[in-house]
Amino acid sequence: ALPPSPNGRGNLLSYTPESAEAALIAALDSAEPAAASAVAREDFEGAMAALASLRAPIDAFFDSVTVNDTDQAKRAARLALLARVRAAVHAVADFSKIEG
């Protein structure tokens, strides 16, 4: 289950997300289609730029949001949000193939 998006995609949360959490959801809503479109055009620089736009929202998320919250719904939604981040990155590149 994906956390909700301001544009209505995904499932609804049973709680009000923290501001950094909502910001990451919004950033993913923008970066995911931009990266996918760039990959489809074989514009890998553009795809990486779309992913790079997630850096600040991801940093803010980890600085201020407790992923493993005692509230099961929050924990599940936040883990699903991180799975979205991982899927967005893997849609562009498999970094496990890089040696060193």
PDB file of N, CA and C in Angstrom:
ATOM      1  N   ALA A   1       0.844  -1.187   0.000  1.00  0.00           N
ATOM      2  CA  ALA A   1       0.000   0.000   0.000  1.00  0.00           C
ATOM      3  C   ALA A   1       0.883   1.243   0.000  1.00  0.00           C
ATOM      4  N   LEU A   2       0.605   2.134  -0.907  1.00  0.00           N
ATOM      5  CA  LEU A   2       1.383   3.363  -1.019  1.00  0.00           C
ATOM      6  C   LEU A   2       0.770   4.449  -0.148  1.00  0.00           C
ATOM      7  N   PRO A   3       1.603   5.276   0.445  1.00  0.00           N
ATOM      8  CA  PRO A   3       1.070   6.433   1.159  1.00  0.00           C
ATOM      9  C   PRO A   3       0.347   7.340   0.167  1.00  0.00           C
ATOM     10  N   PRO A   4      -0.564   8.152   0.659  1.00  0.00           N
ATOM     11  CA  PRO A   4      -1.331   8.995  -0.263  1.00  0.00           C
ATOM     12  C   PRO A   4      -0.486  10.114  -0.838  1.00  0.00           C
ATOM     13  N   SER A   5      -0.979  10.646  -1.908  1.00  0.00           N
ATOM     14  CA  SER A   5      -0.339  11.775  -2.546  1.00  0.00           C
ATOM     15  C   SER A   5      -1.301  12.946  -2.486  1.00  0.00           C
ATOM     16  N   PRO A   6      -0.766  14.149  -2.468  1.00  0.00           N
ATOM     17  CA  PRO A   6      -1.652  15.306  -2.503  1.00  0.00           C
ATOM     18  C   PRO A   6      -2.557  15.302  -3.737  1.00  0.00           C
ATOM     19  N   ASN A   7      -2.110  14.665  -4.816  1.00  0.00           N
ATOM     20  CA  ASN A   7      -2.926  14.636  -6.031  1.00  0.00           C
ATOM     21  C   ASN A   7      -3.911  13.469  -6.052  1.00  0.00           C
ATOM     22  N   GLY A   8      -4.012  12.734  -4.933  1.00  0.00           N
ATOM     23  CA  GLY A   8      -5.013  11.694  -4.819  1.00  0.00           C
ATOM     24  C   GLY A   8      -4.554  10.291  -5.150  1.00  0.00           C
ATOM     25  N   ARG A   9      -3.308  10.115  -5.561  1.00  0.00           N
ATOM     26  CA  ARG A   9      -2.821   8.769  -5.856  1.00  0.00           C
ATOM     27  C   ARG A   9      -2.601   8.006  -4.561  1.00  0.00           C
ATOM     28  N   GLY A  10      -2.629   6.699  -4.633  1.00  0.00           N
ATOM     29  CA  GLY A  10      -2.306   5.898  -3.462  1.00  0.00           C
ATOM     30  C   GLY A  10      -3.469   5.782  -2.489  1.00  0.00           C
ATOM     31  N   ASN A  11      -3.195   5.189  -1.356  1.00  0.00           N
ATOM     32  CA  ASN A  11      -4.204   4.987  -0.325  1.00  0.00           C
ATOM     33  C   ASN A  11      -4.214   6.167   0.632  1.00  0.00           C
ATOM     34  N   LEU A  12      -5.327   6.338   1.305  1.00  0.00           N
ATOM     35  CA  LEU A  12      -5.419   7.412   2.284  1.00  0.00           C
ATOM     36  C   LEU A  12      -4.752   6.984   3.576  1.00  0.00           C
ATOM     37  N   LEU A  13      -4.074   7.923   4.210  1.00  0.00           N
ATOM     38  CA  LEU A  13      -3.473   7.656   5.512  1.00  0.00           C
ATOM     39  C   LEU A  13      -4.544   7.778   6.575  1.00  0.00           C
ATOM     40  N   SER A  14      -4.366   7.031   7.642  1.00  0.00           N
ATOM     41  CA  SER A  14      -5.302   7.110   8.760  1.00  0.00           C
ATOM     42  C   SER A  14      -4.862   8.164   9.765  1.00  0.00           C
ATOM     43  N   TYR A  15      -3.854   8.941   9.410  1.00  0.00           N
ATOM     44  CA  TYR A  15      -3.329   9.981  10.293  1.00  0.00           C
ATOM     45  C   TYR A  15      -2.847  11.148   9.428  1.00  0.00           C
ATOM     46  N   THR A  16      -2.633  12.275  10.062  1.00  0.00           N
ATOM     47  CA  THR A  16      -2.094  13.439   9.366  1.00  0.00           C
ATOM     48  C   THR A  16      -0.574  13.309   9.334  1.00  0.00           C
ATOM     49  N   PRO A  17       0.017  13.261   8.139  1.00  0.00           N
ATOM     50  CA  PRO A  17       1.473  13.088   8.073  1.00  0.00           C
ATOM     51  C   PRO A  17       2.207  14.313   8.608  1.00  0.00           C
ATOM     52  N   GLU A  18       3.397  14.064   9.146  1.00  0.00           N
ATOM     53  CA  GLU A  18       4.260  15.168   9.564  1.00  0.00           C
ATOM     54  C   GLU A  18       4.665  15.936   8.315  1.00  0.00           C
ATOM     55  N   SER A  19       5.062  17.195   8.497  1.00  0.00           N
ATOM     56  CA  SER A  19       5.345  18.042   7.327  1.00  0.00           C
ATOM     57  C   SER A  19       6.436  17.459   6.435  1.00  0.00           C
ATOM     58  N   ALA A  20       7.497  16.908   7.018  1.00  0.00           N
ATOM     59  CA  ALA A  20       8.579  16.337   6.201  1.00  0.00           C
ATOM     60  C   ALA A  20       8.105  15.086   5.466  1.00  0.00           C
ATOM     61  N   GLU A  21       7.185  14.363   6.073  1.00  0.00           N
ATOM     62  CA  GLU A  21       6.613  13.170   5.445  1.00  0.00           C
ATOM     63  C   GLU A  21       5.755  13.585   4.246  1.00  0.00           C
ATOM     64  N   ALA A  22       4.908  14.576   4.433  1.00  0.00           N
ATOM     65  CA  ALA A  22       4.069  15.076   3.345  1.00  0.00           C
ATOM     66  C   ALA A  22       4.932  15.655   2.219  1.00  0.00           C
ATOM     67  N   ALA A  23       6.017  16.320   2.584  1.00  0.00           N
ATOM     68  CA  ALA A  23       6.915  16.894   1.580  1.00  0.00           C
ATOM     69  C   ALA A  23       7.585  15.800   0.747  1.00  0.00           C
ATOM     70  N   LEU A  24       7.963  14.705   1.381  1.00  0.00           N
ATOM     71  CA  LEU A  24       8.578  13.598   0.636  1.00  0.00           C
ATOM     72  C   LEU A  24       7.559  12.945  -0.287  1.00  0.00           C
ATOM     73  N   ILE A  25       6.334  12.787   0.179  1.00  0.00           N
ATOM     74  CA  ILE A  25       5.278  12.225  -0.676  1.00  0.00           C
ATOM     75  C   ILE A  25       5.099  13.116  -1.911  1.00  0.00           C
ATOM     76  N   ALA A  26       5.027  14.425  -1.695  1.00  0.00           N
ATOM     77  CA  ALA A  26       4.854  15.364  -2.813  1.00  0.00           C
ATOM     78  C   ALA A  26       6.054  15.323  -3.756  1.00  0.00           C
ATOM     79  N   ALA A  27       7.261  15.249  -3.191  1.00  0.00           N
ATOM     80  CA  ALA A  27       8.471  15.190  -4.026  1.00  0.00           C
ATOM     81  C   ALA A  27       8.482  13.924  -4.875  1.00  0.00           C
ATOM     82  N   LEU A  28       8.069  12.808  -4.292  1.00  0.00           N
ATOM     83  CA  LEU A  28       7.996  11.563  -5.051  1.00  0.00           C
ATOM     84  C   LEU A  28       6.948  11.651  -6.153  1.00  0.00           C
ATOM     85  N   ASP A  29       5.817  12.287  -5.848  1.00  0.00           N
ATOM     86  CA  ASP A  29       4.764  12.444  -6.859  1.00  0.00           C
ATOM     87  C   ASP A  29       5.277  13.204  -8.077  1.00  0.00           C
ATOM     88  N   SER A  30       6.228  14.088  -7.862  1.00  0.00           N
ATOM     89  CA  SER A  30       6.821  14.855  -8.955  1.00  0.00           C
ATOM     90  C   SER A  30       7.974  14.096  -9.609  1.00  0.00           C
ATOM     91  N   ALA A  31       8.849  13.520  -8.787  1.00  0.00           N
ATOM     92  CA  ALA A  31      10.073  12.890  -9.301  1.00  0.00           C
ATOM     93  C   ALA A  31       9.804  11.575 -10.026  1.00  0.00           C
ATOM     94  N   GLU A  32       8.869  10.768  -9.519  1.00  0.00           N
ATOM     95  CA  GLU A  32       8.618   9.464 -10.150  1.00  0.00           C
ATOM     96  C   GLU A  32       8.235   9.591 -11.628  1.00  0.00           C
ATOM     97  N   PRO A  33       7.219  10.377 -11.980  1.00  0.00           N
ATOM     98  CA  PRO A  33       6.879  10.476 -13.400  1.00  0.00           C
ATOM     99  C   PRO A  33       7.960  11.187 -14.224  1.00  0.00           C
ATOM    100  N   ALA A  34       8.644  12.151 -13.625  1.00  0.00           N
ATOM    101  CA  ALA A  34       9.714  12.844 -14.356  1.00  0.00           C
ATOM    102  C   ALA A  34      10.844  11.877 -14.680  1.00  0.00           C
ATOM    103  N   ALA A  35      11.220  11.039 -13.714  1.00  0.00           N
ATOM    104  CA  ALA A  35      12.282  10.060 -13.936  1.00  0.00           C
ATOM    105  C   ALA A  35      11.844   9.020 -14.964  1.00  0.00           C
ATOM    106  N   ALA A  36      10.614   8.538 -14.841  1.00  0.00           N
ATOM    107  CA  ALA A  36      10.104   7.526 -15.782  1.00  0.00           C
ATOM    108  C   ALA A  36      10.072   8.076 -17.208  1.00  0.00           C
ATOM    109  N   SER A  37       9.638   9.309 -17.346  1.00  0.00           N
ATOM    110  CA  SER A  37       9.587   9.938 -18.668  1.00  0.00           C
ATOM    111  C   SER A  37      10.990  10.091 -19.244  1.00  0.00           C
ATOM    112  N   ALA A  38      11.925  10.497 -18.403  1.00  0.00           N
ATOM    113  CA  ALA A  38      13.310  10.656 -18.866  1.00  0.00           C
ATOM    114  C   ALA A  38      13.914   9.321 -19.291  1.00  0.00           C
ATOM    115  N   VAL A  39      13.663   8.270 -18.506  1.00  0.00           N
ATOM    116  CA  VAL A  39      14.175   6.936 -18.866  1.00  0.00           C
ATOM    117  C   VAL A  39      13.581   6.494 -20.203  1.00  0.00           C
ATOM    118  N   ALA A  40      12.291   6.741 -20.395  1.00  0.00           N
ATOM    119  CA  ALA A  40      11.635   6.355 -21.650  1.00  0.00           C
ATOM    120  C   ALA A  40      12.273   7.054 -22.848  1.00  0.00           C
ATOM    121  N   ARG A  41      12.785   8.269 -22.629  1.00  0.00           N
ATOM    122  CA  ARG A  41      13.464   9.013 -23.708  1.00  0.00           C
ATOM    123  C   ARG A  41      14.959   8.703 -23.739  1.00  0.00           C
ATOM    124  N   GLU A  42      15.396   7.793 -22.878  1.00  0.00           N
ATOM    125  CA  GLU A  42      16.812   7.449 -22.717  1.00  0.00           C
ATOM    126  C   GLU A  42      17.630   8.673 -22.310  1.00  0.00           C
ATOM    127  N   ASP A  43      16.994   9.561 -21.557  1.00  0.00           N
ATOM    128  CA  ASP A  43      17.650  10.753 -21.004  1.00  0.00           C
ATOM    129  C   ASP A  43      18.033  10.416 -19.557  1.00  0.00           C
ATOM    130  N   PHE A  44      19.128   9.700 -19.415  1.00  0.00           N
ATOM    131  CA  PHE A  44      19.517   9.214 -18.093  1.00  0.00           C
ATOM    132  C   PHE A  44      20.021  10.335 -17.194  1.00  0.00           C
ATOM    133  N   GLU A  45      20.579  11.356 -17.782  1.00  0.00           N
ATOM    134  CA  GLU A  45      20.975  12.525 -16.990  1.00  0.00           C
ATOM    135  C   GLU A  45      19.733  13.186 -16.388  1.00  0.00           C
ATOM    136  N   GLY A  46      18.686  13.303 -17.180  1.00  0.00           N
ATOM    137  CA  GLY A  46      17.426  13.866 -16.694  1.00  0.00           C
ATOM    138  C   GLY A  46      16.790  13.011 -15.619  1.00  0.00           C
ATOM    139  N   ALA A  47      16.899  11.693 -15.800  1.00  0.00           N
ATOM    140  CA  ALA A  47      16.344  10.770 -14.797  1.00  0.00           C
ATOM    141  C   ALA A  47      17.081  10.919 -13.471  1.00  0.00           C
ATOM    142  N   MET A  48      18.387  11.027 -13.548  1.00  0.00           N
ATOM    143  CA  MET A  48      19.173  11.200 -12.319  1.00  0.00           C
ATOM    144  C   MET A  48      18.881  12.560 -11.684  1.00  0.00           C
ATOM    145  N   ALA A  49      18.653  13.570 -12.487  1.00  0.00           N
ATOM    146  CA  ALA A  49      18.306  14.891 -11.948  1.00  0.00           C
ATOM    147  C   ALA A  49      16.972  14.828 -11.217  1.00  0.00           C
ATOM    148  N   ALA A  50      16.024  14.081 -11.769  1.00  0.00           N
ATOM    149  CA  ALA A  50      14.725  13.928 -11.099  1.00  0.00           C
ATOM    150  C   ALA A  50      14.908  13.250  -9.744  1.00  0.00           C
ATOM    151  N   LEU A  51      15.741  12.215  -9.720  1.00  0.00           N
ATOM    152  CA  LEU A  51      16.004  11.527  -8.445  1.00  0.00           C
ATOM    153  C   LEU A  51      16.761  12.431  -7.474  1.00  0.00           C
ATOM    154  N   ALA A  52      17.666  13.237  -7.998  1.00  0.00           N
ATOM    155  CA  ALA A  52      18.444  14.136  -7.139  1.00  0.00           C
ATOM    156  C   ALA A  52      17.540  15.125  -6.416  1.00  0.00           C
ATOM    157  N   SER A  53      16.394  15.426  -7.007  1.00  0.00           N
ATOM    158  CA  SER A  53      15.464  16.355  -6.364  1.00  0.00           C
ATOM    159  C   SER A  53      14.882  15.780  -5.073  1.00  0.00           C
ATOM    160  N   LEU A  54      15.071  14.494  -4.861  1.00  0.00           N
ATOM    161  CA  LEU A  54      14.568  13.847  -3.644  1.00  0.00           C
ATOM    162  C   LEU A  54      15.518  13.991  -2.459  1.00  0.00           C
ATOM    163  N   ARG A  55      16.732  14.421  -2.712  1.00  0.00           N
ATOM    164  CA  ARG A  55      17.742  14.443  -1.645  1.00  0.00           C
ATOM    165  C   ARG A  55      17.308  15.244  -0.422  1.00  0.00           C
ATOM    166  N   ALA A  56      16.943  16.498  -0.613  1.00  0.00           N
ATOM    167  CA  ALA A  56      16.556  17.347   0.522  1.00  0.00           C
ATOM    168  C   ALA A  56      15.307  16.820   1.235  1.00  0.00           C
ATOM    169  N   PRO A  57      14.257  16.402   0.502  1.00  0.00           N
ATOM    170  CA  PRO A  57      13.097  15.853   1.201  1.00  0.00           C
ATOM    171  C   PRO A  57      13.412  14.559   1.966  1.00  0.00           C
ATOM    172  N   ILE A  58      14.301  13.729   1.421  1.00  0.00           N
ATOM    173  CA  ILE A  58      14.685  12.499   2.128  1.00  0.00           C
ATOM    174  C   ILE A  58      15.476  12.853   3.388  1.00  0.00           C
ATOM    175  N   ASP A  59      16.425  13.781   3.273  1.00  0.00           N
ATOM    176  CA  ASP A  59      17.198  14.207   4.446  1.00  0.00           C
ATOM    177  C   ASP A  59      16.277  14.753   5.529  1.00  0.00           C
ATOM    178  N   ALA A  60      15.329  15.610   5.145  1.00  0.00           N
ATOM    179  CA  ALA A  60      14.402  16.196   6.119  1.00  0.00           C
ATOM    180  C   ALA A  60      13.534  15.119   6.756  1.00  0.00           C
ATOM    181  N   PHE A  61      13.114  14.144   5.958  1.00  0.00           N
ATOM    182  CA  PHE A  61      12.295  13.040   6.459  1.00  0.00           C
ATOM    183  C   PHE A  61      13.043  12.297   7.564  1.00  0.00           C
ATOM    184  N   PHE A  62      14.288  11.922   7.298  1.00  0.00           N
ATOM    185  CA  PHE A  62      15.042  11.159   8.299  1.00  0.00           C
ATOM    186  C   PHE A  62      15.445  12.010   9.499  1.00  0.00           C
ATOM    187  N   ASP A  63      15.564  13.319   9.309  1.00  0.00           N
ATOM    188  CA  ASP A  63      15.901  14.205  10.426  1.00  0.00           C
ATOM    189  C   ASP A  63      14.736  14.397  11.393  1.00  0.00           C
ATOM    190  N   SER A  64      13.498  14.326  10.881  1.00  0.00           N
ATOM    191  CA  SER A  64      12.381  14.709  11.747  1.00  0.00           C
ATOM    192  C   SER A  64      11.266  13.688  11.910  1.00  0.00           C
ATOM    193  N   VAL A  65      11.301  12.594  11.163  1.00  0.00           N
ATOM    194  CA  VAL A  65      10.212  11.613  11.225  1.00  0.00           C
ATOM    195  C   VAL A  65      10.737  10.301  11.801  1.00  0.00           C
ATOM    196  N   THR A  66       9.989   9.723  12.717  1.00  0.00           N
ATOM    197  CA  THR A  66      10.329   8.413  13.272  1.00  0.00           C
ATOM    198  C   THR A  66       9.666   7.345  12.403  1.00  0.00           C
ATOM    199  N   VAL A  67      10.476   6.629  11.636  1.00  0.00           N
ATOM    200  CA  VAL A  67       9.923   5.603  10.742  1.00  0.00           C
ATOM    201  C   VAL A  67       9.300   4.476  11.553  1.00  0.00           C
ATOM    202  N   ASN A  68      10.037   3.955  12.512  1.00  0.00           N
ATOM    203  CA  ASN A  68       9.545   2.844  13.327  1.00  0.00           C
ATOM    204  C   ASN A  68       8.726   3.355  14.510  1.00  0.00           C
ATOM    205  N   ASP A  69       7.682   4.109  14.193  1.00  0.00           N
ATOM    206  CA  ASP A  69       6.781   4.671  15.193  1.00  0.00           C
ATOM    207  C   ASP A  69       6.059   3.535  15.922  1.00  0.00           C
ATOM    208  N   THR A  70       5.654   3.787  17.152  1.00  0.00           N
ATOM    209  CA  THR A  70       4.902   2.767  17.899  1.00  0.00           C
ATOM    210  C   THR A  70       3.512   2.558  17.307  1.00  0.00           C
ATOM    211  N   ASP A  71       3.002   3.546  16.578  1.00  0.00           N
ATOM    212  CA  ASP A  71       1.715   3.427  15.893  1.00  0.00           C
ATOM    213  C   ASP A  71       1.932   2.581  14.630  1.00  0.00           C
ATOM    214  N   GLN A  72       1.277   1.430  14.589  1.00  0.00           N
ATOM    215  CA  GLN A  72       1.462   0.484  13.472  1.00  0.00           C
ATOM    216  C   GLN A  72       1.131   1.109  12.115  1.00  0.00           C
ATOM    217  N   ALA A  73       0.081   1.923  12.065  1.00  0.00           N
ATOM    218  CA  ALA A  73      -0.330   2.531  10.788  1.00  0.00           C
ATOM    219  C   ALA A  73       0.750   3.485  10.280  1.00  0.00           C
ATOM    220  N   LYS A  74       1.309   4.279  11.197  1.00  0.00           N
ATOM    221  CA  LYS A  74       2.371   5.203  10.797  1.00  0.00           C
ATOM    222  C   LYS A  74       3.593   4.437  10.324  1.00  0.00           C
ATOM    223  N   ARG A  75       3.977   3.402  11.071  1.00  0.00           N
ATOM    224  CA  ARG A  75       5.152   2.610  10.698  1.00  0.00           C
ATOM    225  C   ARG A  75       4.957   1.997   9.316  1.00  0.00           C
ATOM    226  N   ALA A  76       3.806   1.374   9.088  1.00  0.00           N
ATOM    227  CA  ALA A  76       3.550   0.724   7.792  1.00  0.00           C
ATOM    228  C   ALA A  76       3.562   1.729   6.646  1.00  0.00           C
ATOM    229  N   ALA A  77       2.938   2.880   6.849  1.00  0.00           N
ATOM    230  CA  ALA A  77       2.895   3.893   5.787  1.00  0.00           C
ATOM    231  C   ALA A  77       4.283   4.445   5.503  1.00  0.00           C
ATOM    232  N   ARG A  78       5.065   4.638   6.552  1.00  0.00           N
ATOM    233  CA  ARG A  78       6.405   5.198   6.363  1.00  0.00           C
ATOM    234  C   ARG A  78       7.345   4.194   5.707  1.00  0.00           C
ATOM    235  N   LEU A  79       7.206   2.933   6.045  1.00  0.00           N
ATOM    236  CA  LEU A  79       8.003   1.908   5.370  1.00  0.00           C
ATOM    237  C   LEU A  79       7.589   1.798   3.905  1.00  0.00           C
ATOM    238  N   ALA A  80       6.296   1.929   3.635  1.00  0.00           N
ATOM    239  CA  ALA A  80       5.822   1.909   2.244  1.00  0.00           C
ATOM    240  C   ALA A  80       6.351   3.119   1.484  1.00  0.00           C
ATOM    241  N   LEU A  81       6.442   4.266   2.153  1.00  0.00           N
ATOM    242  CA  LEU A  81       6.992   5.458   1.525  1.00  0.00           C
ATOM    243  C   LEU A  81       8.457   5.242   1.156  1.00  0.00           C
ATOM    244  N   LEU A  82       9.210   4.636   2.057  1.00  0.00           N
ATOM    245  CA  LEU A  82      10.614   4.342   1.751  1.00  0.00           C
ATOM    246  C   LEU A  82      10.725   3.317   0.628  1.00  0.00           C
ATOM    247  N   ALA A  83       9.780   2.385   0.553  1.00  0.00           N
ATOM    248  CA  ALA A  83       9.768   1.426  -0.555  1.00  0.00           C
ATOM    249  C   ALA A  83       9.526   2.148  -1.875  1.00  0.00           C
ATOM    250  N   ARG A  84       8.699   3.205  -1.844  1.00  0.00           N
ATOM    251  CA  ARG A  84       8.492   4.023  -3.054  1.00  0.00           C
ATOM    252  C   ARG A  84       9.789   4.682  -3.485  1.00  0.00           C
ATOM    253  N   VAL A  85      10.550   5.189  -2.519  1.00  0.00           N
ATOM    254  CA  VAL A  85      11.836   5.823  -2.842  1.00  0.00           C
ATOM    255  C   VAL A  85      12.746   4.798  -3.506  1.00  0.00           C
ATOM    256  N   ARG A  86      12.830   3.628  -2.895  1.00  0.00           N
ATOM    257  CA  ARG A  86      13.685   2.570  -3.443  1.00  0.00           C
ATOM    258  C   ARG A  86      13.247   2.186  -4.854  1.00  0.00           C
ATOM    259  N   ALA A  87      11.945   2.022  -5.058  1.00  0.00           N
ATOM    260  CA  ALA A  87      11.428   1.649  -6.378  1.00  0.00           C
ATOM    261  C   ALA A  87      11.730   2.736  -7.407  1.00  0.00           C
ATOM    262  N   ALA A  88      11.635   3.998  -7.007  1.00  0.00           N
ATOM    263  CA  ALA A  88      11.929   5.101  -7.928  1.00  0.00           C
ATOM    264  C   ALA A  88      13.385   5.046  -8.365  1.00  0.00           C
ATOM    265  N   VAL A  89      14.280   4.769  -7.424  1.00  0.00           N
ATOM    266  CA  VAL A  89      15.706   4.683  -7.752  1.00  0.00           C
ATOM    267  C   VAL A  89      15.966   3.475  -8.646  1.00  0.00           C
ATOM    268  N   HIS A  90      15.378   2.338  -8.307  1.00  0.00           N
ATOM    269  CA  HIS A  90      15.605   1.125  -9.100  1.00  0.00           C
ATOM    270  C   HIS A  90      14.999   1.215 -10.494  1.00  0.00           C
ATOM    271  N   ALA A  91      14.005   2.072 -10.675  1.00  0.00           N
ATOM    272  CA  ALA A  91      13.428   2.256 -12.008  1.00  0.00           C
ATOM    273  C   ALA A  91      14.415   2.976 -12.929  1.00  0.00           C
ATOM    274  N   VAL A  92      15.381   3.672 -12.332  1.00  0.00           N
ATOM    275  CA  VAL A  92      16.370   4.406 -13.114  1.00  0.00           C
ATOM    276  C   VAL A  92      17.661   3.611 -13.245  1.00  0.00           C
ATOM    277  N   ALA A  93      18.136   3.056 -12.139  1.00  0.00           N
ATOM    278  CA  ALA A  93      19.425   2.359 -12.165  1.00  0.00           C
ATOM    279  C   ALA A  93      19.503   1.337 -11.045  1.00  0.00           C
ATOM    280  N   ASP A  94      20.213   0.270 -11.320  1.00  0.00           N
ATOM    281  CA  ASP A  94      20.473  -0.747 -10.299  1.00  0.00           C
ATOM    282  C   ASP A  94      21.873  -0.495  -9.764  1.00  0.00           C
ATOM    283  N   PHE A  95      21.929   0.247  -8.663  1.00  0.00           N
ATOM    284  CA  PHE A  95      23.216   0.643  -8.114  1.00  0.00           C
ATOM    285  C   PHE A  95      23.982  -0.524  -7.482  1.00  0.00           C
ATOM    286  N   SER A  96      23.325  -1.670  -7.307  1.00  0.00           N
ATOM    287  CA  SER A  96      24.031  -2.826  -6.754  1.00  0.00           C
ATOM    288  C   SER A  96      25.037  -3.386  -7.774  1.00  0.00           C
ATOM    289  N   LYS A  97      24.926  -2.989  -9.031  1.00  0.00           N
ATOM    290  CA  LYS A  97      25.838  -3.477 -10.071  1.00  0.00           C
ATOM    291  C   LYS A  97      27.171  -2.716 -10.091  1.00  0.00           C
ATOM    292  N   ILE A  98      27.220  -1.610  -9.344  1.00  0.00           N
ATOM    293  CA  ILE A  98      28.445  -0.798  -9.316  1.00  0.00           C
ATOM    294  C   ILE A  98      29.416  -1.411  -8.324  1.00  0.00           C
ATOM    295  N   GLU A  99      30.629  -1.660  -8.780  1.00  0.00           N
ATOM    296  CA  GLU A  99      31.653  -2.250  -7.900  1.00  0.00           C
ATOM    297  C   GLU A  99      32.430  -1.161  -7.190  1.00  0.00           C
ATOM    298  N   GLY A 100      33.002  -1.564  -6.039  1.00  0.00           N
ATOM    299  CA  GLY A 100      33.883  -0.655  -5.334  1.00  0.00           C
ATOM    300  C   GLY A 100      33.184   0.001  -4.229  1.00  0.00           C
TER     301      GLY A 100
END
